[in-house]
Amino acid sequence: MKSISWRFMVLVLCLYGSAAYADKESIALFTKNQTNPYFESVRLGARSAANELHVTLTNYVPTQTDSIPEQMSQIDDVVVKHPNAVVFVPVDFKAMGPGIKKLNAAKIPTVNVGDKAQSGDFVTFVGASDYQLGLQTARVLLKSLGVKGNVIILEGVKGTSTSEERMRGFHDALKEVPGVRVLSSQPANYQGMQALQVTENLLQTYPKIDGILAANDAMAIGALDALDGANRKAEVVGIAASKEAVDLIKEGKLLASGDYSGFKQGCIGVMAAVRSLHKEPVPEEISLKTEVVTSANYQSFDVAPEKMTCPTWADALRQ
């Protein structure tokens, strides 16, 4: 009889354990697109943190790059499904205000990551200083060029906070070296193919280009492809410190990339969301340290995505 009772209790515990696992907390992660390596890094970091914390994670990514209507539709879907929390990268920091209001009205705790939304109530904002990334990455290029030279600038999406702040950083760095001349500054919308086309056109227009300031890695890689196609040479920098960029730095093809810490942002976004669900303290903003990856320090960034690990919460707050 005692044996039967013991087995019965084991069965009950197993059933309850399975039910508890099935009811674990759920998080919806919104990112802008499938094309930018930064957002893939955010998704990888978020997935890593979700696995560590034993929460379910569902990705919401517009099929059309940076589509405002599609992200709004995805928000409507999430409001109906009502996950425990949301980690949110807005496709447009201004236009997604009404969508954020819907999440707030549904009382779904929301963590803002990457692009700082203009309005809405958030658990916290997790990001890096786009101004400092622009400033410090540009300084690396300008130091390499010396006191003079000709540069072009590949801008992100006009009107976005990331592009505006990175441009401000680029231009403040350029003021420090008045002998360096900006031949042209044009948007390539954070897209590699657009950057390739813009750079090809500028290479035909200007016979001497010494440096290229690209506001993200995808555009930097597009610029390198254009240079290769034209059999031209120029120093190129990007921003994101994506795996592709680190590989190119290692090979000596890309001069530098500002580390936007996408993987860490994804990790910390999920960690902050879970902490808020557990009523644990979360600061109003978590800003990551600005670092620029170069040939002198790339080794610490040269890690395969599947081998990357999230920081501890204590380390995250020390960034």
Protein backbone atom coordinates (compact mmCIF):
# COMPACT_ATOMS: atom_id res chain seq x y z
CA MET A 1 0.00 0.00 0.00
CA LYS A 2 2.82 2.34 0.88
CA SER A 3 4.48 1.54 -2.47
CA ILE A 4 1.28 2.39 -4.36
CA SER A 5 0.93 5.67 -2.45
CA TRP A 6 4.53 6.62 -3.21
CA ARG A 7 4.08 5.90 -6.90
CA PHE A 8 0.85 7.88 -6.91
CA MET A 9 2.62 10.86 -5.37
CA VAL A 10 5.42 10.66 -7.95
CA LEU A 11 2.81 10.63 -10.71
CA VAL A 12 1.04 13.66 -9.24
CA LEU A 13 4.31 15.57 -8.91
CA CYS A 14 5.22 14.78 -12.51
CA LEU A 15 1.84 15.98 -13.73
CA TYR A 16 2.06 19.19 -11.71
CA GLY A 17 5.62 19.75 -12.89
CA SER A 18 4.54 19.40 -16.51
CA ALA A 19 1.67 21.83 -15.97
CA ALA A 20 4.03 24.36 -14.36
CA TYR A 21 6.41 24.07 -17.32
CA ALA A 22 3.57 24.52 -19.81
CA ASP A 23 2.43 27.65 -18.01
CA LYS A 24 5.87 29.31 -17.91
CA GLU A 25 6.08 33.03 -18.66
CA SER A 26 5.90 34.16 -22.29
CA ILE A 27 7.62 37.10 -23.96
CA ALA A 28 6.99 38.62 -27.38
CA LEU A 29 10.05 40.11 -29.09
CA PHE A 30 9.56 42.77 -31.79
CA THR A 31 12.41 43.61 -34.19
CA LYS A 32 12.46 45.69 -37.38
CA ASN A 33 13.50 43.34 -40.18
CA GLN A 34 15.22 40.15 -41.30
CA THR A 35 17.97 41.88 -43.30
CA ASN A 36 20.03 43.79 -40.72
CA PRO A 37 22.57 41.63 -38.81
CA TYR A 38 22.05 43.79 -35.72
CA PHE A 39 18.47 42.59 -35.32
CA GLU A 40 19.54 38.99 -35.76
CA SER A 41 22.01 39.60 -32.90
CA VAL A 42 19.18 41.00 -30.77
CA ARG A 43 17.09 37.91 -31.49
CA LEU A 44 19.99 35.58 -30.64
CA GLY A 45 20.63 37.39 -27.35
CA ALA A 46 16.96 37.36 -26.44
CA ARG A 47 16.74 33.64 -27.22
CA SER A 48 19.81 32.91 -25.10
CA ALA A 49 18.37 34.80 -22.10
CA ALA A 50 14.95 33.18 -22.56
CA ASN A 51 16.53 29.73 -22.49
CA GLU A 52 18.51 30.56 -19.36
CA LEU A 53 15.45 31.97 -17.60
CA HIS A 54 13.09 29.23 -18.82
CA VAL A 55 10.61 31.56 -20.51
CA THR A 56 9.04 31.14 -23.94
CA LEU A 57 9.98 33.66 -26.62
CA THR A 58 8.02 34.47 -29.77
CA ASN A 59 9.54 36.64 -32.51
CA TYR A 60 7.56 39.24 -34.42
CA VAL A 61 9.40 40.55 -37.49
CA PRO A 62 7.77 42.40 -40.41
CA THR A 63 8.06 40.48 -43.68
CA GLN A 64 8.44 43.85 -45.40
CA THR A 65 11.50 45.65 -44.06
CA ASP A 66 10.67 48.25 -41.39
CA SER A 67 6.94 48.16 -42.18
CA ILE A 68 4.93 50.38 -39.84
CA PRO A 69 1.51 48.90 -40.81
CA GLU A 70 2.80 45.36 -40.37
CA GLN A 71 4.28 46.02 -36.95
CA MET A 72 1.02 47.67 -35.91
CA SER A 73 -0.83 44.55 -37.04
CA GLN A 74 1.57 42.38 -35.07
CA ILE A 75 0.93 44.50 -31.97
CA ASP A 76 -2.81 43.89 -32.39
CA ASP A 77 -2.10 40.16 -32.54
CA VAL A 78 0.03 40.30 -29.41
CA VAL A 79 -2.60 42.28 -27.50
CA VAL A 80 -5.09 39.47 -28.22
CA LYS A 81 -2.64 36.71 -27.30
CA HIS A 82 -1.48 38.72 -24.26
CA PRO A 83 1.99 37.40 -23.42
CA ASN A 84 3.38 38.19 -19.98
CA ALA A 85 5.76 40.83 -21.36
CA VAL A 86 7.06 42.44 -24.55
CA VAL A 87 10.58 43.39 -25.63
CA PHE A 88 10.12 46.03 -28.28
CA VAL A 89 12.27 47.54 -31.04
CA PRO A 90 10.00 50.03 -32.86
CA VAL A 91 10.28 50.15 -36.65
CA ASP A 92 9.85 53.92 -36.27
CA PHE A 93 10.49 55.68 -32.96
CA LYS A 94 7.75 58.24 -33.64
CA ALA A 95 5.11 56.39 -35.66
CA MET A 96 4.77 53.44 -33.30
CA GLY A 97 3.38 55.59 -30.49
CA PRO A 98 -0.23 54.41 -31.01
CA GLY A 99 0.94 50.78 -30.98
CA ILE A 100 2.79 51.29 -27.73
CA LYS A 101 -0.35 52.83 -26.24
CA LYS A 102 -2.20 49.62 -27.10
CA LEU A 103 0.40 47.55 -25.24
CA ASN A 104 0.17 49.93 -22.28
CA ALA A 105 -3.64 49.80 -22.30
CA ALA A 106 -3.47 45.99 -22.29
CA LYS A 107 -1.19 46.25 -19.24
CA ILE A 108 1.57 44.23 -20.89
CA PRO A 109 4.94 45.24 -19.35
CA THR A 110 7.12 46.44 -22.23
CA VAL A 111 10.89 46.89 -22.46
CA ASN A 112 12.15 49.28 -25.16
CA VAL A 113 15.36 48.14 -26.88
CA GLY A 114 17.67 49.74 -29.44
CA ASP A 115 15.68 52.64 -30.90
CA LYS A 116 14.30 54.81 -28.11
CA ALA A 117 10.58 55.31 -28.64
CA GLN A 118 9.36 58.90 -28.48
CA SER A 119 6.34 58.10 -26.31
CA GLY A 120 4.87 55.36 -24.15
CA ASP A 121 5.36 53.74 -20.75
CA PHE A 122 8.21 51.27 -20.51
CA VAL A 123 9.81 49.11 -17.85
CA THR A 124 13.17 50.40 -19.06
CA PHE A 125 15.14 51.38 -22.14
CA VAL A 126 18.12 49.20 -23.11
CA GLY A 127 20.51 50.59 -25.68
CA ALA A 128 23.81 52.20 -26.54
CA SER A 129 24.71 55.82 -27.22
CA ASP A 130 24.39 56.28 -30.98
CA TYR A 131 26.12 59.65 -30.68
CA GLN A 132 29.16 58.15 -28.94
CA LEU A 133 29.27 55.26 -31.41
CA GLY A 134 29.31 57.73 -34.30
CA LEU A 135 31.87 59.99 -32.64
CA GLN A 136 34.32 57.31 -31.55
CA THR A 137 34.06 55.20 -34.71
CA ALA A 138 34.64 58.27 -36.89
CA ARG A 139 37.67 59.19 -34.81
CA VAL A 140 39.25 55.83 -35.66
CA LEU A 141 38.83 56.52 -39.38
CA LEU A 142 40.10 60.08 -39.09
CA LYS A 143 43.15 58.99 -37.12
CA SER A 144 43.95 56.52 -39.88
CA LEU A 145 43.58 59.19 -42.59
CA GLY A 146 45.75 61.74 -40.81
CA VAL A 147 45.26 65.48 -41.16
CA LYS A 148 43.58 65.51 -44.57
CA GLY A 149 41.56 63.42 -47.00
CA ASN A 150 38.23 63.03 -48.75
CA VAL A 151 35.38 61.07 -47.19
CA ILE A 152 31.83 60.11 -48.01
CA ILE A 153 29.09 59.34 -45.50
CA LEU A 154 26.45 56.64 -45.84
CA GLU A 155 23.50 57.60 -43.67
CA GLY A 156 20.84 55.37 -42.15
CA VAL A 157 17.11 56.01 -42.46
CA LYS A 158 16.51 59.76 -42.35
CA GLY A 159 14.46 60.87 -39.37
CA THR A 160 15.32 57.86 -37.20
CA SER A 161 16.97 58.53 -33.86
CA THR A 162 19.84 56.10 -34.53
CA SER A 163 20.80 57.72 -37.82
CA GLU A 164 20.39 61.29 -36.57
CA GLU A 165 22.57 60.66 -33.51
CA ARG A 166 25.24 58.75 -35.43
CA MET A 167 25.40 61.56 -37.98
CA ARG A 168 25.81 64.06 -35.17
CA GLY A 169 28.71 62.00 -33.82
CA PHE A 170 30.29 61.72 -37.29
CA HIS A 171 30.10 65.45 -37.88
CA ASP A 172 31.45 66.38 -34.43
CA ALA A 173 34.45 64.11 -35.06
CA LEU A 174 34.97 65.72 -38.48
CA LYS A 175 35.07 69.17 -36.86
CA GLU A 176 38.17 68.00 -34.98
CA VAL A 177 40.05 67.44 -38.26
CA PRO A 178 39.27 70.41 -40.54
CA GLY A 179 41.61 69.11 -43.26
CA VAL A 180 39.27 66.20 -43.98
CA ARG A 181 36.59 67.09 -46.53
CA VAL A 182 33.13 65.51 -46.85
CA LEU A 183 32.48 64.98 -50.55
CA SER A 184 28.95 63.66 -50.12
CA SER A 185 26.54 62.43 -47.44
CA GLN A 186 23.67 60.27 -48.68
CA PRO A 187 21.17 57.86 -47.11
CA ALA A 188 21.42 54.16 -47.89
CA ASN A 189 18.75 53.29 -45.30
CA TYR A 190 20.89 50.77 -43.41
CA GLN A 191 20.68 48.40 -46.43
CA GLY A 192 23.75 46.78 -47.97
CA MET A 193 22.44 46.76 -51.55
CA GLN A 194 21.48 50.43 -51.39
CA ALA A 195 24.93 51.25 -49.98
CA LEU A 196 26.53 49.34 -52.84
CA GLN A 197 24.56 51.36 -55.39
CA VAL A 198 25.15 54.72 -53.69
CA THR A 199 28.88 54.04 -53.35
CA GLU A 200 29.16 52.90 -56.99
CA ASN A 201 27.64 56.20 -58.10
CA LEU A 202 29.92 58.24 -55.84
CA LEU A 203 33.01 56.35 -57.03
CA GLN A 204 32.13 57.38 -60.59
CA THR A 205 31.68 61.00 -59.48
CA TYR A 206 34.77 61.38 -57.32
CA PRO A 207 38.18 60.09 -58.48
CA LYS A 208 39.68 60.28 -54.97
CA ILE A 209 37.81 58.93 -51.93
CA ASP A 210 40.02 58.13 -48.95
CA GLY A 211 37.45 57.09 -46.35
CA ILE A 212 33.86 55.98 -45.94
CA LEU A 213 31.81 56.54 -42.80
CA ALA A 214 28.90 54.08 -42.82
CA ALA A 215 26.21 54.31 -40.15
CA ASN A 216 25.97 50.50 -39.89
CA ASP A 217 27.84 47.36 -40.91
CA ALA A 218 25.47 46.35 -43.69
CA MET A 219 26.21 49.63 -45.47
CA ALA A 220 29.94 49.34 -44.75
CA ILE A 221 29.96 45.89 -46.37
CA GLY A 222 28.01 47.24 -49.36
CA ALA A 223 30.62 50.02 -49.70
CA LEU A 224 33.45 47.47 -49.61
CA ASP A 225 31.74 45.49 -52.38
CA ALA A 226 31.50 48.65 -54.48
CA LEU A 227 35.19 49.42 -53.91
CA ASP A 228 36.15 45.88 -54.91
CA GLY A 229 34.02 46.11 -58.06
CA ALA A 230 35.69 49.39 -59.06
CA ASN A 231 39.17 48.17 -58.08
CA ARG A 232 39.45 51.12 -55.69
CA LYS A 233 40.78 51.38 -52.14
CA ALA A 234 39.47 53.39 -49.18
CA GLU A 235 39.31 53.01 -45.42
CA VAL A 236 35.80 51.99 -44.33
CA VAL A 237 34.14 51.91 -40.90
CA GLY A 238 30.70 50.72 -39.84
CA ILE A 239 28.60 50.36 -36.70
CA ALA A 240 27.17 47.20 -35.08
CA ALA A 241 30.25 44.95 -34.68
CA SER A 242 28.36 42.16 -36.44
CA LYS A 243 30.07 38.80 -36.98
CA GLU A 244 30.55 39.67 -40.66
CA ALA A 245 32.21 42.97 -39.72
CA VAL A 246 34.51 41.36 -37.17
CA ASP A 247 35.58 38.80 -39.78
CA LEU A 248 36.37 41.61 -42.23
CA ILE A 249 38.36 43.48 -39.57
CA LYS A 250 40.31 40.30 -38.88
CA GLU A 251 41.04 39.98 -42.62
CA GLY A 252 42.19 43.61 -42.81
CA LYS A 253 39.39 44.65 -45.19
CA LEU A 254 37.31 46.77 -42.77
CA LEU A 255 39.05 49.33 -40.57
CA ALA A 256 36.64 49.34 -37.62
CA SER A 257 33.09 48.91 -36.37
CA GLY A 258 31.42 50.51 -33.37
CA ASP A 259 29.96 47.84 -31.10
CA TYR A 260 26.20 48.38 -30.87
CA SER A 261 25.98 45.28 -28.64
CA GLY A 262 22.89 43.76 -30.27
CA PHE A 263 23.37 40.41 -28.55
CA LYS A 264 23.72 42.06 -25.13
CA GLN A 265 20.72 44.29 -25.78
CA GLY A 266 18.59 41.23 -26.56
CA CYS A 267 19.83 39.47 -23.44
CA ILE A 268 19.29 42.40 -21.13
CA GLY A 269 15.89 43.25 -22.64
CA VAL A 270 14.56 39.79 -21.78
CA MET A 271 16.26 39.81 -18.37
CA ALA A 272 14.68 43.18 -17.55
CA ALA A 273 11.24 41.96 -18.67
CA VAL A 274 11.46 38.88 -16.46
CA ARG A 275 12.69 40.91 -13.49
CA SER A 276 9.72 43.26 -13.86
CA LEU A 277 7.35 40.26 -13.84
CA HIS A 278 8.98 39.07 -10.63
CA LYS A 279 8.67 42.54 -9.06
CA GLU A 280 12.46 42.91 -8.93
CA PRO A 281 14.07 46.34 -9.37
CA VAL A 282 14.97 47.52 -12.89
CA PRO A 283 16.59 50.92 -13.61
CA GLU A 284 14.79 53.34 -15.92
CA GLU A 285 17.59 53.11 -18.50
CA ILE A 286 20.47 50.73 -19.18
CA SER A 287 23.11 52.22 -21.49
CA LEU A 288 25.89 49.94 -22.70
CA LYS A 289 29.54 50.98 -22.80
CA THR A 290 30.78 52.34 -26.14
CA GLU A 291 33.54 50.28 -27.74
CA VAL A 292 35.03 50.32 -31.22
CA VAL A 293 36.29 47.04 -32.68
CA THR A 294 39.60 47.31 -34.56
CA SER A 295 42.48 45.05 -35.56
CA ALA A 296 43.97 45.72 -32.12
CA ASN A 297 41.08 44.31 -30.07
CA TYR A 298 38.88 42.16 -32.37
CA GLN A 299 39.85 38.92 -30.61
CA SER A 300 37.41 39.43 -27.74
CA PHE A 301 34.59 40.03 -30.27
CA ASP A 302 35.51 37.09 -32.51
CA VAL A 303 32.99 34.65 -31.06
CA ALA A 304 30.63 32.43 -33.05
CA PRO A 305 26.99 33.42 -32.41
CA GLU A 306 26.11 30.00 -30.99
CA LYS A 307 28.91 30.34 -28.43
CA MET A 308 27.97 33.78 -27.15
CA THR A 309 26.64 34.02 -23.60
CA CYS A 310 24.53 36.63 -21.87
CA PRO A 311 26.04 38.82 -19.15
CA THR A 312 24.82 38.43 -15.58
CA TRP A 313 22.39 41.08 -14.39
CA ALA A 314 25.12 42.58 -12.18
CA ASP A 315 27.48 42.79 -15.17
CA ALA A 316 24.71 44.28 -17.31
CA LEU A 317 24.31 47.14 -14.86
CA ARG A 318 28.08 47.74 -14.91
CA GLN A 319 28.15 48.30 -18.67
